[in-house]
Amino acid sequence: MGPTLDGRPLPPPHADERAMLEGWLEFHRATLVQKVAGLDDQQVRLAAVPPSTMTLLGLVQHLAEVERTWYQRVLAGREAPPLYGADGEGGYALTPERGMPEALADWRAEVEQGRELAAGASLEDTGRLSERAAAVFGSETVSLRWILVHLIEEYARHNGHADLLRESIDGLTGV
């Protein structure tokens, strides 16, 4: 993977399936980091479109929870408690004592844990879903391939949200 002009890792234009999936996931992870760079604590807590309470800080926390869920809980079958409480908020809830530096540290730790867990698995390896998720997806398991595609989709969607939030904060677009 080579960098783009703005420093994000560019997914390979020709590669096997695994390298392509991991390349796009890394690109979207790097995009999230760029979306939150250079903002102060007040800015990362701003919601852009009432009645939504979505913030850049909440998005980073949420994506740390997403990484934890799909790699640790599903793929590895670990009992990993929620990072940000069991209130069903999915990481979006903000607290005064936790800012972007703490959220990014949590997120980076979850990303690294996910990379390590995926490195030892094939795309066909499966992880077990919770009963609730199995009822939604119609299967008790999903493959690592499915998890990678889902994470790419999750990041792409939330990076779109981050685009709008960042533009409303300081006008920055196109990152």
C-alpha atoms as a PDB file:
ATOM      1  CA  MET A   1       0.000   0.000   0.000  1.00  0.00           C
ATOM      2  CA  GLY A   2       1.327   3.406  -0.927  1.00  0.00           C
ATOM      3  CA  PRO A   3       0.175   6.688   0.573  1.00  0.00           C
ATOM      4  CA  THR A   4      -2.243   9.086  -1.073  1.00  0.00           C
ATOM      5  CA  LEU A   5      -1.348  12.757  -1.337  1.00  0.00           C
ATOM      6  CA  ASP A   6      -2.831  13.356   2.128  1.00  0.00           C
ATOM      7  CA  GLY A   7      -1.010  10.491   3.855  1.00  0.00           C
ATOM      8  CA  ARG A   8      -3.742   7.886   4.000  1.00  0.00           C
ATOM      9  CA  PRO A   9      -2.761   4.392   2.825  1.00  0.00           C
ATOM     10  CA  LEU A  10      -4.076   3.877  -0.680  1.00  0.00           C
ATOM     11  CA  PRO A  11      -5.684   0.458  -1.202  1.00  0.00           C
ATOM     12  CA  PRO A  12      -3.901  -1.551  -3.893  1.00  0.00           C
ATOM     13  CA  PRO A  13      -5.474  -1.281  -7.363  1.00  0.00           C
ATOM     14  CA  HIS A  14      -4.658  -4.957  -8.010  1.00  0.00           C
ATOM     15  CA  ALA A  15      -4.368  -7.478  -5.194  1.00  0.00           C
ATOM     16  CA  ASP A  16      -5.812 -10.679  -3.846  1.00  0.00           C
ATOM     17  CA  GLU A  17      -9.073 -10.498  -1.943  1.00  0.00           C
ATOM     18  CA  ARG A  18      -7.533 -10.337   1.530  1.00  0.00           C
ATOM     19  CA  ALA A  19      -5.124  -7.513   0.651  1.00  0.00           C
ATOM     20  CA  MET A  20      -7.932  -5.601  -1.065  1.00  0.00           C
ATOM     21  CA  LEU A  21     -10.328  -5.901   1.900  1.00  0.00           C
ATOM     22  CA  GLU A  22      -7.678  -5.019   4.458  1.00  0.00           C
ATOM     23  CA  GLY A  23      -6.438  -2.151   2.262  1.00  0.00           C
ATOM     24  CA  TRP A  24      -9.871  -0.550   2.098  1.00  0.00           C
ATOM     25  CA  LEU A  25     -10.437  -1.012   5.812  1.00  0.00           C
ATOM     26  CA  GLU A  26      -7.100   0.671   6.602  1.00  0.00           C
ATOM     27  CA  PHE A  27      -7.963   3.526   4.225  1.00  0.00           C
ATOM     28  CA  HIS A  28     -11.250   4.145   6.039  1.00  0.00           C
ATOM     29  CA  ARG A  29      -9.632   3.894   9.456  1.00  0.00           C
ATOM     30  CA  ALA A  30      -7.088   6.544   8.389  1.00  0.00           C
ATOM     31  CA  THR A  31      -9.900   8.710   7.021  1.00  0.00           C
ATOM     32  CA  LEU A  32     -11.584   8.718  10.433  1.00  0.00           C
ATOM     33  CA  VAL A  33      -8.357   9.912  12.068  1.00  0.00           C
ATOM     34  CA  GLN A  34      -8.050  12.733   9.539  1.00  0.00           C
ATOM     35  CA  LYS A  35     -11.639  13.836  10.153  1.00  0.00           C
ATOM     36  CA  VAL A  36     -10.954  14.454  13.843  1.00  0.00           C
ATOM     37  CA  ALA A  37      -7.436  15.908  13.576  1.00  0.00           C
ATOM     38  CA  GLY A  38      -6.709  19.419  14.795  1.00  0.00           C
ATOM     39  CA  LEU A  39      -9.968  20.040  16.645  1.00  0.00           C
ATOM     40  CA  ASP A  40     -10.327  21.099  20.265  1.00  0.00           C
ATOM     41  CA  ASP A  41     -12.431  19.390  22.909  1.00  0.00           C
ATOM     42  CA  GLN A  42     -15.428  21.668  22.401  1.00  0.00           C
ATOM     43  CA  GLN A  43     -15.411  21.132  18.630  1.00  0.00           C
ATOM     44  CA  VAL A  44     -15.352  17.307  18.795  1.00  0.00           C
ATOM     45  CA  ARG A  45     -18.417  17.460  21.073  1.00  0.00           C
ATOM     46  CA  LEU A  46     -20.553  19.518  18.671  1.00  0.00           C
ATOM     47  CA  ALA A  47     -23.590  17.913  17.079  1.00  0.00           C
ATOM     48  CA  ALA A  48     -24.305  19.304  13.616  1.00  0.00           C
ATOM     49  CA  VAL A  49     -27.925  18.512  12.879  1.00  0.00           C
ATOM     50  CA  PRO A  50     -30.486  18.655  15.679  1.00  0.00           C
ATOM     51  CA  PRO A  51     -32.170  16.548  16.906  1.00  0.00           C
ATOM     52  CA  SER A  52     -29.186  14.246  16.289  1.00  0.00           C
ATOM     53  CA  THR A  53     -26.672  14.118  19.116  1.00  0.00           C
ATOM     54  CA  MET A  54     -23.970  12.531  16.909  1.00  0.00           C
ATOM     55  CA  THR A  55     -20.521  14.068  17.421  1.00  0.00           C
ATOM     56  CA  LEU A  56     -17.030  13.335  16.152  1.00  0.00           C
ATOM     57  CA  LEU A  57     -16.020  12.196  19.635  1.00  0.00           C
ATOM     58  CA  GLY A  58     -19.033   9.898  19.775  1.00  0.00           C
ATOM     59  CA  LEU A  59     -18.180   8.455  16.352  1.00  0.00           C
ATOM     60  CA  VAL A  60     -14.646   7.542  17.433  1.00  0.00           C
ATOM     61  CA  GLN A  61     -15.976   5.931  20.613  1.00  0.00           C
ATOM     62  CA  HIS A  62     -18.642   4.067  18.608  1.00  0.00           C
ATOM     63  CA  LEU A  63     -16.094   2.734  16.132  1.00  0.00           C
ATOM     64  CA  ALA A  64     -13.916   1.510  19.008  1.00  0.00           C
ATOM     65  CA  GLU A  65     -16.969  -0.433  20.213  1.00  0.00           C
ATOM     66  CA  VAL A  66     -17.572  -1.718  16.670  1.00  0.00           C
ATOM     67  CA  GLU A  67     -13.992  -2.970  16.374  1.00  0.00           C
ATOM     68  CA  ARG A  68     -14.287  -4.651  19.797  1.00  0.00           C
ATOM     69  CA  THR A  69     -17.586  -6.304  18.931  1.00  0.00           C
ATOM     70  CA  TRP A  70     -16.598  -7.806  15.596  1.00  0.00           C
ATOM     71  CA  TYR A  71     -13.066  -8.901  16.392  1.00  0.00           C
ATOM     72  CA  GLN A  72     -13.024  -9.715  20.087  1.00  0.00           C
ATOM     73  CA  ARG A  73     -16.610 -10.775  20.759  1.00  0.00           C
ATOM     74  CA  VAL A  74     -17.589 -12.328  17.424  1.00  0.00           C
ATOM     75  CA  LEU A  75     -14.390 -13.540  15.741  1.00  0.00           C
ATOM     76  CA  ALA A  76     -12.463 -14.524  18.879  1.00  0.00           C
ATOM     77  CA  GLY A  77     -15.475 -15.428  21.033  1.00  0.00           C
ATOM     78  CA  ARG A  78     -14.205 -13.386  23.965  1.00  0.00           C
ATOM     79  CA  GLU A  79     -16.236 -11.900  26.778  1.00  0.00           C
ATOM     80  CA  ALA A  80     -15.236  -8.287  26.221  1.00  0.00           C
ATOM     81  CA  PRO A  81     -17.283  -5.763  28.206  1.00  0.00           C
ATOM     82  CA  PRO A  82     -18.399  -2.559  26.493  1.00  0.00           C
ATOM     83  CA  LEU A  83     -15.793   0.187  26.584  1.00  0.00           C
ATOM     84  CA  TYR A  84     -18.309   2.927  27.298  1.00  0.00           C
ATOM     85  CA  GLY A  85     -20.953   1.345  29.516  1.00  0.00           C
ATOM     86  CA  ALA A  86     -23.755  -1.093  28.921  1.00  0.00           C
ATOM     87  CA  ASP A  87     -26.432   1.527  28.334  1.00  0.00           C
ATOM     88  CA  GLY A  88     -27.074   0.562  24.720  1.00  0.00           C
ATOM     89  CA  GLU A  89     -25.654   3.855  23.451  1.00  0.00           C
ATOM     90  CA  GLY A  90     -23.051   2.071  21.311  1.00  0.00           C
ATOM     91  CA  GLY A  91     -20.295   4.419  22.448  1.00  0.00           C
ATOM     92  CA  TYR A  92     -22.012   7.620  21.388  1.00  0.00           C
ATOM     93  CA  ALA A  93     -22.577   8.947  24.933  1.00  0.00           C
ATOM     94  CA  LEU A  94     -20.097  11.606  26.005  1.00  0.00           C
ATOM     95  CA  THR A  95     -18.657  12.274  29.441  1.00  0.00           C
ATOM     96  CA  PRO A  96     -16.703  15.344  30.565  1.00  0.00           C
ATOM     97  CA  GLU A  97     -13.689  13.305  31.716  1.00  0.00           C
ATOM     98  CA  ARG A  98     -13.165  11.499  28.405  1.00  0.00           C
ATOM     99  CA  GLY A  99     -12.019  13.511  25.400  1.00  0.00           C
ATOM    100  CA  MET A 100     -10.637  12.737  21.965  1.00  0.00           C
ATOM    101  CA  PRO A 101      -7.139  11.706  23.173  1.00  0.00           C
ATOM    102  CA  GLU A 102      -8.671   8.994  25.382  1.00  0.00           C
ATOM    103  CA  ALA A 103     -11.154   7.901  22.718  1.00  0.00           C
ATOM    104  CA  LEU A 104      -8.444   7.660  20.052  1.00  0.00           C
ATOM    105  CA  ALA A 105      -6.239   5.639  22.424  1.00  0.00           C
ATOM    106  CA  ASP A 106      -9.130   3.223  23.032  1.00  0.00           C
ATOM    107  CA  TRP A 107      -9.884   3.057  19.304  1.00  0.00           C
ATOM    108  CA  ARG A 108      -6.234   2.449  18.382  1.00  0.00           C
ATOM    109  CA  ALA A 109      -5.985  -0.342  20.957  1.00  0.00           C
ATOM    110  CA  GLU A 110      -9.107  -2.007  19.525  1.00  0.00           C
ATOM    111  CA  VAL A 111      -7.836  -1.634  15.956  1.00  0.00           C
ATOM    112  CA  GLU A 112      -4.523  -3.244  16.911  1.00  0.00           C
ATOM    113  CA  GLN A 113      -6.303  -6.058  18.730  1.00  0.00           C
ATOM    114  CA  GLY A 114      -8.457  -6.604  15.631  1.00  0.00           C
ATOM    115  CA  ARG A 115      -5.436  -6.711  13.338  1.00  0.00           C
ATOM    116  CA  GLU A 116      -3.794  -9.318  15.571  1.00  0.00           C
ATOM    117  CA  LEU A 117      -6.903 -11.493  15.767  1.00  0.00           C
ATOM    118  CA  ALA A 118      -7.538 -11.313  12.013  1.00  0.00           C
ATOM    119  CA  ALA A 119      -3.900 -12.026  11.127  1.00  0.00           C
ATOM    120  CA  GLY A 120      -4.207 -15.564  12.413  1.00  0.00           C
ATOM    121  CA  ALA A 121      -7.483 -16.310  10.644  1.00  0.00           C
ATOM    122  CA  SER A 122      -8.487 -17.149   7.097  1.00  0.00           C
ATOM    123  CA  LEU A 123     -11.284 -15.321   5.315  1.00  0.00           C
ATOM    124  CA  GLU A 124     -13.384 -18.470   5.697  1.00  0.00           C
ATOM    125  CA  ASP A 125     -12.938 -18.698   9.479  1.00  0.00           C
ATOM    126  CA  THR A 126     -16.110 -17.920  11.364  1.00  0.00           C
ATOM    127  CA  GLY A 127     -17.100 -16.166  14.520  1.00  0.00           C
ATOM    128  CA  ARG A 128     -20.232 -16.723  16.566  1.00  0.00           C
ATOM    129  CA  LEU A 129     -22.924 -14.069  16.744  1.00  0.00           C
ATOM    130  CA  SER A 130     -24.973 -13.229  19.799  1.00  0.00           C
ATOM    131  CA  GLU A 131     -28.491 -14.698  19.862  1.00  0.00           C
ATOM    132  CA  ARG A 132     -29.938 -11.293  19.055  1.00  0.00           C
ATOM    133  CA  ALA A 133     -27.590 -10.742  16.086  1.00  0.00           C
ATOM    134  CA  ALA A 134     -28.132 -14.301  14.838  1.00  0.00           C
ATOM    135  CA  ALA A 135     -31.873 -13.642  14.730  1.00  0.00           C
ATOM    136  CA  VAL A 136     -31.278 -10.534  12.610  1.00  0.00           C
ATOM    137  CA  PHE A 137     -28.717 -12.074  10.228  1.00  0.00           C
ATOM    138  CA  GLY A 138     -30.353 -15.487   9.969  1.00  0.00           C
ATOM    139  CA  SER A 139     -27.162 -17.322  10.897  1.00  0.00           C
ATOM    140  CA  GLU A 140     -25.325 -18.126  14.090  1.00  0.00           C
ATOM    141  CA  THR A 141     -21.952 -17.383  12.498  1.00  0.00           C
ATOM    142  CA  VAL A 142     -20.297 -15.000  10.051  1.00  0.00           C
ATOM    143  CA  SER A 143     -16.994 -15.352   8.208  1.00  0.00           C
ATOM    144  CA  LEU A 144     -14.003 -13.086   8.613  1.00  0.00           C
ATOM    145  CA  ARG A 145     -14.706 -12.049   5.003  1.00  0.00           C
ATOM    146  CA  TRP A 146     -18.178 -10.879   6.077  1.00  0.00           C
ATOM    147  CA  ILE A 147     -16.720  -9.042   9.080  1.00  0.00           C
ATOM    148  CA  LEU A 148     -14.182  -7.181   6.910  1.00  0.00           C
ATOM    149  CA  VAL A 149     -16.832  -6.148   4.368  1.00  0.00           C
ATOM    150  CA  HIS A 150     -19.140  -5.066   7.180  1.00  0.00           C
ATOM    151  CA  LEU A 151     -16.394  -2.981   8.817  1.00  0.00           C
ATOM    152  CA  ILE A 152     -15.619  -1.276   5.490  1.00  0.00           C
ATOM    153  CA  GLU A 153     -19.320  -0.439   5.156  1.00  0.00           C
ATOM    154  CA  GLU A 154     -19.532   0.760   8.764  1.00  0.00           C
ATOM    155  CA  TYR A 155     -16.514   3.047   8.418  1.00  0.00           C
ATOM    156  CA  ALA A 156     -17.603   4.368   5.014  1.00  0.00           C
ATOM    157  CA  ARG A 157     -21.039   5.294   6.394  1.00  0.00           C
ATOM    158  CA  HIS A 158     -19.652   6.920   9.523  1.00  0.00           C
ATOM    159  CA  ASN A 159     -16.910   8.727   7.608  1.00  0.00           C
ATOM    160  CA  GLY A 160     -19.738  10.307   5.619  1.00  0.00           C
ATOM    161  CA  HIS A 161     -21.249  11.464   8.907  1.00  0.00           C
ATOM    162  CA  ALA A 162     -17.812  12.724   9.959  1.00  0.00           C
ATOM    163  CA  ASP A 163     -17.559  14.687   6.680  1.00  0.00           C
ATOM    164  CA  LEU A 164     -20.741  16.580   7.511  1.00  0.00           C
ATOM    165  CA  LEU A 165     -19.816  17.108  11.154  1.00  0.00           C
ATOM    166  CA  ARG A 166     -16.349  18.406  10.284  1.00  0.00           C
ATOM    167  CA  GLU A 167     -17.691  20.741   7.591  1.00  0.00           C
ATOM    168  CA  SER A 168     -20.203  22.196  10.041  1.00  0.00           C
ATOM    169  CA  ILE A 169     -17.426  22.796  12.603  1.00  0.00           C
ATOM    170  CA  ASP A 170     -14.757  24.529  10.532  1.00  0.00           C
ATOM    171  CA  GLY A 171     -15.690  24.229   6.866  1.00  0.00           C
ATOM    172  CA  LEU A 172     -13.058  21.560   6.131  1.00  0.00           C
ATOM    173  CA  THR A 173     -14.149  19.289   3.311  1.00  0.00           C
ATOM    174  CA  GLY A 174     -12.578  16.721   1.035  1.00  0.00           C
ATOM    175  CA  VAL A 175     -10.365  14.922   3.508  1.00  0.00           C
END
